[in-house]
Amino acid sequence: MEGIPVIAICDTDTNPDKITYPIPANDDAAKAVELILQALVSLPTKEKKAPVAEDVEEKPKKTAKPKADKVTKKVAKTELKKTVKKKK
């Protein structure tokens, strides 16, 4: 196809002669393909973003609750056991 730029992941078994923008990488590894796609999606584009209506309010982002680590949980269990023993 003449005139259409082609971006492709080229492994060692690929002929890159007809590819406009070859990306040398392992095309069989899902992690490699995922990394390349993330990089391509995050590239700046010439397209303009759709304008956001002024009367639309953004929803507040939910903040994640901090997770207690194993040490904190163990200390809490120990303190709870001590409290229960004292009450008996």
PDB file of N, CA and C in Angstrom:
ATOM      1  N   MET A   1       0.843  -1.176   0.000  1.00  0.00           N
ATOM      2  CA  MET A   1       0.000   0.000   0.000  1.00  0.00           C
ATOM      3  C   MET A   1       0.885   1.234   0.000  1.00  0.00           C
ATOM      4  N   GLU A   2       0.857   1.888  -1.067  1.00  0.00           N
ATOM      5  CA  GLU A   2       1.687   3.078  -1.233  1.00  0.00           C
ATOM      6  C   GLU A   2       1.074   4.284  -0.520  1.00  0.00           C
ATOM      7  N   GLY A   3       1.893   5.082   0.099  1.00  0.00           N
ATOM      8  CA  GLY A   3       1.453   6.332   0.703  1.00  0.00           C
ATOM      9  C   GLY A   3       0.875   6.216   2.098  1.00  0.00           C
ATOM     10  N   ILE A   4       0.673   5.020   2.587  1.00  0.00           N
ATOM     11  CA  ILE A   4       0.145   4.851   3.944  1.00  0.00           C
ATOM     12  C   ILE A   4       1.303   4.485   4.858  1.00  0.00           C
ATOM     13  N   PRO A   5       1.618   5.358   5.825  1.00  0.00           N
ATOM     14  CA  PRO A   5       2.718   5.036   6.734  1.00  0.00           C
ATOM     15  C   PRO A   5       2.351   3.852   7.631  1.00  0.00           C
ATOM     16  N   VAL A   6       3.292   2.939   7.793  1.00  0.00           N
ATOM     17  CA  VAL A   6       3.063   1.731   8.580  1.00  0.00           C
ATOM     18  C   VAL A   6       4.008   1.714   9.769  1.00  0.00           C
ATOM     19  N   ILE A   7       3.428   1.518  10.950  1.00  0.00           N
ATOM     20  CA  ILE A   7       4.204   1.334  12.178  1.00  0.00           C
ATOM     21  C   ILE A   7       4.054  -0.129  12.551  1.00  0.00           C
ATOM     22  N   ALA A   8       5.179  -0.823  12.758  1.00  0.00           N
ATOM     23  CA  ALA A   8       5.098  -2.243  13.081  1.00  0.00           C
ATOM     24  C   ALA A   8       6.226  -2.671  14.001  1.00  0.00           C
ATOM     25  N   ILE A   9       5.914  -3.644  14.835  1.00  0.00           N
ATOM     26  CA  ILE A   9       6.927  -4.258  15.693  1.00  0.00           C
ATOM     27  C   ILE A   9       7.649  -5.296  14.851  1.00  0.00           C
ATOM     28  N   CYS A  10       8.964  -5.173  14.772  1.00  0.00           N
ATOM     29  CA  CYS A  10       9.757  -6.071  13.931  1.00  0.00           C
ATOM     30  C   CYS A  10      10.626  -6.974  14.788  1.00  0.00           C
ATOM     31  N   ASP A  11      10.328  -8.235  14.732  1.00  0.00           N
ATOM     32  CA  ASP A  11      11.134  -9.244  15.404  1.00  0.00           C
ATOM     33  C   ASP A  11      12.246  -9.658  14.434  1.00  0.00           C
ATOM     34  N   THR A  12      13.093 -10.567  14.843  1.00  0.00           N
ATOM     35  CA  THR A  12      14.196 -11.003  13.971  1.00  0.00           C
ATOM     36  C   THR A  12      13.701 -11.774  12.758  1.00  0.00           C
ATOM     37  N   ASP A  13      12.454 -12.261  12.794  1.00  0.00           N
ATOM     38  CA  ASP A  13      11.917 -13.006  11.659  1.00  0.00           C
ATOM     39  C   ASP A  13      11.036 -12.147  10.738  1.00  0.00           C
ATOM     40  N   THR A  14      11.143 -10.811  10.864  1.00  0.00           N
ATOM     41  CA  THR A  14      10.331  -9.892  10.072  1.00  0.00           C
ATOM     42  C   THR A  14      11.211  -9.126   9.085  1.00  0.00           C
ATOM     43  N   ASN A  15      10.710  -8.921   7.883  1.00  0.00           N
ATOM     44  CA  ASN A  15      11.415  -8.107   6.886  1.00  0.00           C
ATOM     45  C   ASN A  15      10.922  -6.668   7.018  1.00  0.00           C
ATOM     46  N   PRO A  16      11.753  -5.744   7.501  1.00  0.00           N
ATOM     47  CA  PRO A  16      11.309  -4.374   7.752  1.00  0.00           C
ATOM     48  C   PRO A  16      11.373  -3.454   6.527  1.00  0.00           C
ATOM     49  N   ASP A  17      11.672  -3.982   5.352  1.00  0.00           N
ATOM     50  CA  ASP A  17      11.859  -3.142   4.169  1.00  0.00           C
ATOM     51  C   ASP A  17      10.630  -2.310   3.799  1.00  0.00           C
ATOM     52  N   LYS A  18       9.425  -2.843   3.958  1.00  0.00           N
ATOM     53  CA  LYS A  18       8.223  -2.126   3.554  1.00  0.00           C
ATOM     54  C   LYS A  18       7.529  -1.422   4.719  1.00  0.00           C
ATOM     55  N   ILE A  19       8.199  -1.377   5.862  1.00  0.00           N
ATOM     56  CA  ILE A  19       7.630  -0.735   7.040  1.00  0.00           C
ATOM     57  C   ILE A  19       8.217   0.668   7.169  1.00  0.00           C
ATOM     58  N   THR A  20       7.348   1.666   7.288  1.00  0.00           N
ATOM     59  CA  THR A  20       7.795   3.061   7.382  1.00  0.00           C
ATOM     60  C   THR A  20       8.499   3.323   8.709  1.00  0.00           C
ATOM     61  N   TYR A  21       7.897   2.866   9.803  1.00  0.00           N
ATOM     62  CA  TYR A  21       8.440   3.078  11.142  1.00  0.00           C
ATOM     63  C   TYR A  21       8.567   1.732  11.862  1.00  0.00           C
ATOM     64  N   PRO A  22       9.658   1.006  11.616  1.00  0.00           N
ATOM     65  CA  PRO A  22       9.825  -0.280  12.305  1.00  0.00           C
ATOM     66  C   PRO A  22      10.231  -0.081  13.768  1.00  0.00           C
ATOM     67  N   ILE A  23       9.660  -0.898  14.636  1.00  0.00           N
ATOM     68  CA  ILE A  23      10.004  -0.884  16.063  1.00  0.00           C
ATOM     69  C   ILE A  23      10.651  -2.233  16.365  1.00  0.00           C
ATOM     70  N   PRO A  24      11.969  -2.253  16.561  1.00  0.00           N
ATOM     71  CA  PRO A  24      12.616  -3.535  16.850  1.00  0.00           C
ATOM     72  C   PRO A  24      12.287  -3.989  18.273  1.00  0.00           C
ATOM     73  N   ALA A  25      11.570  -5.110  18.372  1.00  0.00           N
ATOM     74  CA  ALA A  25      11.177  -5.635  19.682  1.00  0.00           C
ATOM     75  C   ALA A  25      10.669  -7.057  19.520  1.00  0.00           C
ATOM     76  N   ASN A  26      10.463  -7.714  20.645  1.00  0.00           N
ATOM     77  CA  ASN A  26       9.933  -9.068  20.649  1.00  0.00           C
ATOM     78  C   ASN A  26       8.415  -8.989  20.513  1.00  0.00           C
ATOM     79  N   ASP A  27       7.902  -9.353  19.341  1.00  0.00           N
ATOM     80  CA  ASP A  27       6.464  -9.251  19.115  1.00  0.00           C
ATOM     81  C   ASP A  27       5.682 -10.422  19.701  1.00  0.00           C
ATOM     82  N   ASP A  28       6.368 -11.394  20.293  1.00  0.00           N
ATOM     83  CA  ASP A  28       5.702 -12.533  20.912  1.00  0.00           C
ATOM     84  C   ASP A  28       5.470 -12.332  22.407  1.00  0.00           C
ATOM     85  N   ALA A  29       6.137 -11.359  22.998  1.00  0.00           N
ATOM     86  CA  ALA A  29       6.013 -11.112  24.439  1.00  0.00           C
ATOM     87  C   ALA A  29       4.919 -10.077  24.695  1.00  0.00           C
ATOM     88  N   ALA A  30       3.921 -10.460  25.471  1.00  0.00           N
ATOM     89  CA  ALA A  30       2.802  -9.565  25.766  1.00  0.00           C
ATOM     90  C   ALA A  30       3.271  -8.306  26.492  1.00  0.00           C
ATOM     91  N   LYS A  31       4.225  -8.452  27.396  1.00  0.00           N
ATOM     92  CA  LYS A  31       4.728  -7.284  28.149  1.00  0.00           C
ATOM     93  C   LYS A  31       5.397  -6.275  27.215  1.00  0.00           C
ATOM     94  N   ALA A  32       6.161  -6.758  26.233  1.00  0.00           N
ATOM     95  CA  ALA A  32       6.838  -5.870  25.288  1.00  0.00           C
ATOM     96  C   ALA A  32       5.817  -5.125  24.439  1.00  0.00           C
ATOM     97  N   VAL A  33       4.813  -5.835  23.958  1.00  0.00           N
ATOM     98  CA  VAL A  33       3.775  -5.203  23.138  1.00  0.00           C
ATOM     99  C   VAL A  33       3.006  -4.183  23.964  1.00  0.00           C
ATOM    100  N   GLU A  34       2.680  -4.527  25.211  1.00  0.00           N
ATOM    101  CA  GLU A  34       1.965  -3.612  26.094  1.00  0.00           C
ATOM    102  C   GLU A  34       2.770  -2.339  26.331  1.00  0.00           C
ATOM    103  N   LEU A  35       4.062  -2.473  26.584  1.00  0.00           N
ATOM    104  CA  LEU A  35       4.930  -1.321  26.822  1.00  0.00           C
ATOM    105  C   LEU A  35       4.976  -0.408  25.596  1.00  0.00           C
ATOM    106  N   ILE A  36       5.091  -0.996  24.427  1.00  0.00           N
ATOM    107  CA  ILE A  36       5.152  -0.209  23.190  1.00  0.00           C
ATOM    108  C   ILE A  36       3.826   0.510  22.949  1.00  0.00           C
ATOM    109  N   LEU A  37       2.713  -0.181  23.160  1.00  0.00           N
ATOM    110  CA  LEU A  37       1.413   0.455  22.970  1.00  0.00           C
ATOM    111  C   LEU A  37       1.198   1.600  23.943  1.00  0.00           C
ATOM    112  N   GLN A  38       1.620   1.418  25.192  1.00  0.00           N
ATOM    113  CA  GLN A  38       1.499   2.505  26.170  1.00  0.00           C
ATOM    114  C   GLN A  38       2.315   3.711  25.730  1.00  0.00           C
ATOM    115  N   ALA A  39       3.510   3.471  25.211  1.00  0.00           N
ATOM    116  CA  ALA A  39       4.358   4.565  24.753  1.00  0.00           C
ATOM    117  C   ALA A  39       3.733   5.270  23.546  1.00  0.00           C
ATOM    118  N   LEU A  40       3.165   4.504  22.630  1.00  0.00           N
ATOM    119  CA  LEU A  40       2.549   5.104  21.445  1.00  0.00           C
ATOM    120  C   LEU A  40       1.298   5.896  21.798  1.00  0.00           C
ATOM    121  N   VAL A  41       0.506   5.404  22.732  1.00  0.00           N
ATOM    122  CA  VAL A  41      -0.721   6.094  23.117  1.00  0.00           C
ATOM    123  C   VAL A  41      -0.401   7.398  23.841  1.00  0.00           C
ATOM    124  N   SER A  42       0.692   7.444  24.567  1.00  0.00           N
ATOM    125  CA  SER A  42       1.019   8.647  25.340  1.00  0.00           C
ATOM    126  C   SER A  42       1.735   9.718  24.516  1.00  0.00           C
ATOM    127  N   LEU A  43       2.019   9.455  23.245  1.00  0.00           N
ATOM    128  CA  LEU A  43       2.662  10.450  22.401  1.00  0.00           C
ATOM    129  C   LEU A  43       1.727  11.621  22.153  1.00  0.00           C
ATOM    130  N   PRO A  44       2.260  12.844  22.101  1.00  0.00           N
ATOM    131  CA  PRO A  44       1.387  13.983  21.806  1.00  0.00           C
ATOM    132  C   PRO A  44       0.891  13.912  20.366  1.00  0.00           C
ATOM    133  N   THR A  45      -0.343  14.320  20.153  1.00  0.00           N
ATOM    134  CA  THR A  45      -0.920  14.301  18.810  1.00  0.00           C
ATOM    135  C   THR A  45      -1.252  15.721  18.375  1.00  0.00           C
ATOM    136  N   LYS A  46      -1.537  15.876  17.102  1.00  0.00           N
ATOM    137  CA  LYS A  46      -1.904  17.193  16.562  1.00  0.00           C
ATOM    138  C   LYS A  46      -3.393  17.467  16.732  1.00  0.00           C
ATOM    139  N   GLU A  47      -4.162  16.444  17.130  1.00  0.00           N
ATOM    140  CA  GLU A  47      -5.599  16.602  17.290  1.00  0.00           C
ATOM    141  C   GLU A  47      -5.902  17.472  18.500  1.00  0.00           C
ATOM    142  N   LYS A  48      -6.929  18.283  18.373  1.00  0.00           N
ATOM    143  CA  LYS A  48      -7.361  19.110  19.487  1.00  0.00           C
ATOM    144  C   LYS A  48      -8.373  18.330  20.312  1.00  0.00           C
ATOM    145  N   LYS A  49      -8.302  18.511  21.618  1.00  0.00           N
ATOM    146  CA  LYS A  49      -9.251  17.843  22.496  1.00  0.00           C
ATOM    147  C   LYS A  49     -10.593  18.566  22.425  1.00  0.00           C
ATOM    148  N   ALA A  50     -11.654  17.817  22.615  1.00  0.00           N
ATOM    149  CA  ALA A  50     -12.992  18.395  22.595  1.00  0.00           C
ATOM    150  C   ALA A  50     -13.150  19.347  23.768  1.00  0.00           C
ATOM    151  N   PRO A  51     -13.786  20.489  23.534  1.00  0.00           N
ATOM    152  CA  PRO A  51     -13.967  21.437  24.635  1.00  0.00           C
ATOM    153  C   PRO A  51     -14.913  20.868  25.686  1.00  0.00           C
ATOM    154  N   VAL A  52     -14.606  21.177  26.939  1.00  0.00           N
ATOM    155  CA  VAL A  52     -15.421  20.712  28.052  1.00  0.00           C
ATOM    156  C   VAL A  52     -16.433  21.792  28.380  1.00  0.00           C
ATOM    157  N   ALA A  53     -17.685  21.391  28.564  1.00  0.00           N
ATOM    158  CA  ALA A  53     -18.725  22.353  28.902  1.00  0.00           C
ATOM    159  C   ALA A  53     -18.411  22.999  30.248  1.00  0.00           C
ATOM    160  N   GLU A  54     -18.656  24.302  30.335  1.00  0.00           N
ATOM    161  CA  GLU A  54     -18.329  25.025  31.567  1.00  0.00           C
ATOM    162  C   GLU A  54     -19.251  24.653  32.725  1.00  0.00           C
ATOM    163  N   ASP A  55     -20.479  24.229  32.409  1.00  0.00           N
ATOM    164  CA  ASP A  55     -21.416  23.941  33.480  1.00  0.00           C
ATOM    165  C   ASP A  55     -21.303  22.507  34.013  1.00  0.00           C
ATOM    166  N   VAL A  56     -20.422  21.721  33.470  1.00  0.00           N
ATOM    167  CA  VAL A  56     -20.239  20.354  33.942  1.00  0.00           C
ATOM    168  C   VAL A  56     -19.208  20.352  35.063  1.00  0.00           C
ATOM    169  N   GLU A  57     -19.611  19.802  36.222  1.00  0.00           N
ATOM    170  CA  GLU A  57     -18.692  19.741  37.352  1.00  0.00           C
ATOM    171  C   GLU A  57     -17.966  18.410  37.346  1.00  0.00           C
ATOM    172  N   GLU A  58     -16.692  18.450  37.674  1.00  0.00           N
ATOM    173  CA  GLU A  58     -15.925  17.211  37.786  1.00  0.00           C
ATOM    174  C   GLU A  58     -16.254  16.526  39.093  1.00  0.00           C
ATOM    175  N   LYS A  59     -16.353  15.207  39.027  1.00  0.00           N
ATOM    176  CA  LYS A  59     -16.593  14.446  40.241  1.00  0.00           C
ATOM    177  C   LYS A  59     -15.308  14.390  41.046  1.00  0.00           C
ATOM    178  N   PRO A  60     -15.400  14.529  42.359  1.00  0.00           N
ATOM    179  CA  PRO A  60     -14.181  14.439  43.167  1.00  0.00           C
ATOM    180  C   PRO A  60     -13.596  13.038  43.085  1.00  0.00           C
ATOM    181  N   LYS A  61     -12.287  12.981  43.015  1.00  0.00           N
ATOM    182  CA  LYS A  61     -11.608  11.698  42.923  1.00  0.00           C
ATOM    183  C   LYS A  61     -11.631  11.012  44.281  1.00  0.00           C
ATOM    184  N   LYS A  62     -11.870   9.708  44.242  1.00  0.00           N
ATOM    185  CA  LYS A  62     -11.862   8.936  45.474  1.00  0.00           C
ATOM    186  C   LYS A  62     -10.423   8.663  45.871  1.00  0.00           C
ATOM    187  N   THR A  63     -10.143   8.871  47.122  1.00  0.00           N
ATOM    188  CA  THR A  63      -8.795   8.589  47.598  1.00  0.00           C
ATOM    189  C   THR A  63      -8.765   7.194  48.192  1.00  0.00           C
ATOM    190  N   ALA A  64      -7.724   6.499  47.895  1.00  0.00           N
ATOM    191  CA  ALA A  64      -7.581   5.132  48.388  1.00  0.00           C
ATOM    192  C   ALA A  64      -7.254   5.147  49.877  1.00  0.00           C
ATOM    193  N   LYS A  65      -7.854   4.203  50.582  1.00  0.00           N
ATOM    194  CA  LYS A  65      -7.552   4.088  52.000  1.00  0.00           C
ATOM    195  C   LYS A  65      -6.165   3.482  52.153  1.00  0.00           C
ATOM    196  N   PRO A  66      -5.374   4.018  53.070  1.00  0.00           N
ATOM    197  CA  PRO A  66      -4.048   3.434  53.255  1.00  0.00           C
ATOM    198  C   PRO A  66      -4.162   2.013  53.793  1.00  0.00           C
ATOM    199  N   LYS A  67      -3.379   1.123  53.233  1.00  0.00           N
ATOM    200  CA  LYS A  67      -3.398  -0.266  53.666  1.00  0.00           C
ATOM    201  C   LYS A  67      -2.406  -0.465  54.804  1.00  0.00           C
ATOM    202  N   ALA A  68      -2.838  -1.194  55.801  1.00  0.00           N
ATOM    203  CA  ALA A  68      -1.960  -1.480  56.931  1.00  0.00           C
ATOM    204  C   ALA A  68      -0.981  -2.576  56.531  1.00  0.00           C
ATOM    205  N   ASP A  69       0.245  -2.395  56.894  1.00  0.00           N
ATOM    206  CA  ASP A  69       1.238  -3.416  56.574  1.00  0.00           C
ATOM    207  C   ASP A  69       1.139  -4.572  57.573  1.00  0.00           C
ATOM    208  N   LYS A  70       1.878  -5.635  57.319  1.00  0.00           N
ATOM    209  CA  LYS A  70       1.814  -6.836  58.149  1.00  0.00           C
ATOM    210  C   LYS A  70       2.204  -6.556  59.593  1.00  0.00           C
ATOM    211  N   VAL A  71       3.218  -5.716  59.788  1.00  0.00           N
ATOM    212  CA  VAL A  71       3.691  -5.408  61.145  1.00  0.00           C
ATOM    213  C   VAL A  71       2.591  -4.708  61.931  1.00  0.00           C
ATOM    214  N   THR A  72       1.939  -3.742  61.309  1.00  0.00           N
ATOM    215  CA  THR A  72       0.873  -3.005  61.980  1.00  0.00           C
ATOM    216  C   THR A  72      -0.272  -3.933  62.356  1.00  0.00           C
ATOM    217  N   LYS A  73      -0.644  -4.836  61.440  1.00  0.00           N
ATOM    218  CA  LYS A  73      -1.713  -5.782  61.734  1.00  0.00           C
ATOM    219  C   LYS A  73      -1.331  -6.706  62.885  1.00  0.00           C
ATOM    220  N   LYS A  74      -0.091  -7.163  62.898  1.00  0.00           N
ATOM    221  CA  LYS A  74       0.365  -8.068  63.953  1.00  0.00           C
ATOM    222  C   LYS A  74       0.347  -7.367  65.311  1.00  0.00           C
ATOM    223  N   VAL A  75       0.806  -6.115  65.340  1.00  0.00           N
ATOM    224  CA  VAL A  75       0.808  -5.343  66.582  1.00  0.00           C
ATOM    225  C   VAL A  75      -0.625  -5.147  67.063  1.00  0.00           C
ATOM    226  N   ALA A  76      -1.535  -4.847  66.146  1.00  0.00           N
ATOM    227  CA  ALA A  76      -2.928  -4.639  66.519  1.00  0.00           C
ATOM    228  C   ALA A  76      -3.534  -5.913  67.103  1.00  0.00           C
ATOM    229  N   LYS A  77      -3.235  -7.061  66.515  1.00  0.00           N
ATOM    230  CA  LYS A  77      -3.743  -8.327  67.037  1.00  0.00           C
ATOM    231  C   LYS A  77      -3.188  -8.598  68.430  1.00  0.00           C
ATOM    232  N   THR A  78      -1.892  -8.343  68.622  1.00  0.00           N
ATOM    233  CA  THR A  78      -1.263  -8.560  69.917  1.00  0.00           C
ATOM    234  C   THR A  78      -1.899  -7.664  70.976  1.00  0.00           C
ATOM    235  N   GLU A  79      -2.107  -6.412  70.661  1.00  0.00           N
ATOM    236  CA  GLU A  79      -2.726  -5.476  71.607  1.00  0.00           C
ATOM    237  C   GLU A  79      -4.152  -5.902  71.930  1.00  0.00           C
ATOM    238  N   LEU A  80      -4.876  -6.386  70.925  1.00  0.00           N
ATOM    239  CA  LEU A  80      -6.242  -6.841  71.154  1.00  0.00           C
ATOM    240  C   LEU A  80      -6.261  -8.047  72.091  1.00  0.00           C
ATOM    241  N   LYS A  81      -5.332  -8.972  71.898  1.00  0.00           N
ATOM    242  CA  LYS A  81      -5.251 -10.142  72.775  1.00  0.00           C
ATOM    243  C   LYS A  81      -4.947  -9.731  74.208  1.00  0.00           C
ATOM    244  N   LYS A  82      -4.031  -8.753  74.382  1.00  0.00           N
ATOM    245  CA  LYS A  82      -3.691  -8.279  75.717  1.00  0.00           C
ATOM    246  C   LYS A  82      -4.906  -7.665  76.391  1.00  0.00           C
ATOM    247  N   THR A  83      -5.675  -6.890  75.645  1.00  0.00           N
ATOM    248  CA  THR A  83      -6.853  -6.232  76.189  1.00  0.00           C
ATOM    249  C   THR A  83      -7.896  -7.257  76.612  1.00  0.00           C
ATOM    250  N   VAL A  84      -8.091  -8.279  75.794  1.00  0.00           N
ATOM    251  CA  VAL A  84      -9.063  -9.331  76.102  1.00  0.00           C
ATOM    252  C   VAL A  84      -8.628 -10.102  77.358  1.00  0.00           C
ATOM    253  N   LYS A  85      -7.344 -10.410  77.498  1.00  0.00           N
ATOM    254  CA  LYS A  85      -6.846 -11.132  78.667  1.00  0.00           C
ATOM    255  C   LYS A  85      -7.026 -10.320  79.942  1.00  0.00           C
ATOM    256  N   LYS A  86      -6.808  -8.984  79.855  1.00  0.00           N
ATOM    257  CA  LYS A  86      -6.953  -8.125  81.031  1.00  0.00           C
ATOM    258  C   LYS A  86      -8.392  -8.089  81.514  1.00  0.00           C
ATOM    259  N   LYS A  87      -9.366  -8.143  80.604  1.00  0.00           N
ATOM    260  CA  LYS A  87     -10.767  -8.070  80.970  1.00  0.00           C
ATOM    261  C   LYS A  87     -11.251  -9.348  81.618  1.00  0.00           C
ATOM    262  N   LYS A  88     -10.589 -10.471  81.351  1.00  0.00           N
ATOM    263  CA  LYS A  88     -10.999 -11.753  81.934  1.00  0.00           C
ATOM    264  C   LYS A  88     -10.553 -11.796  83.331  1.00  0.00           C
TER     265      LYS A  88
END
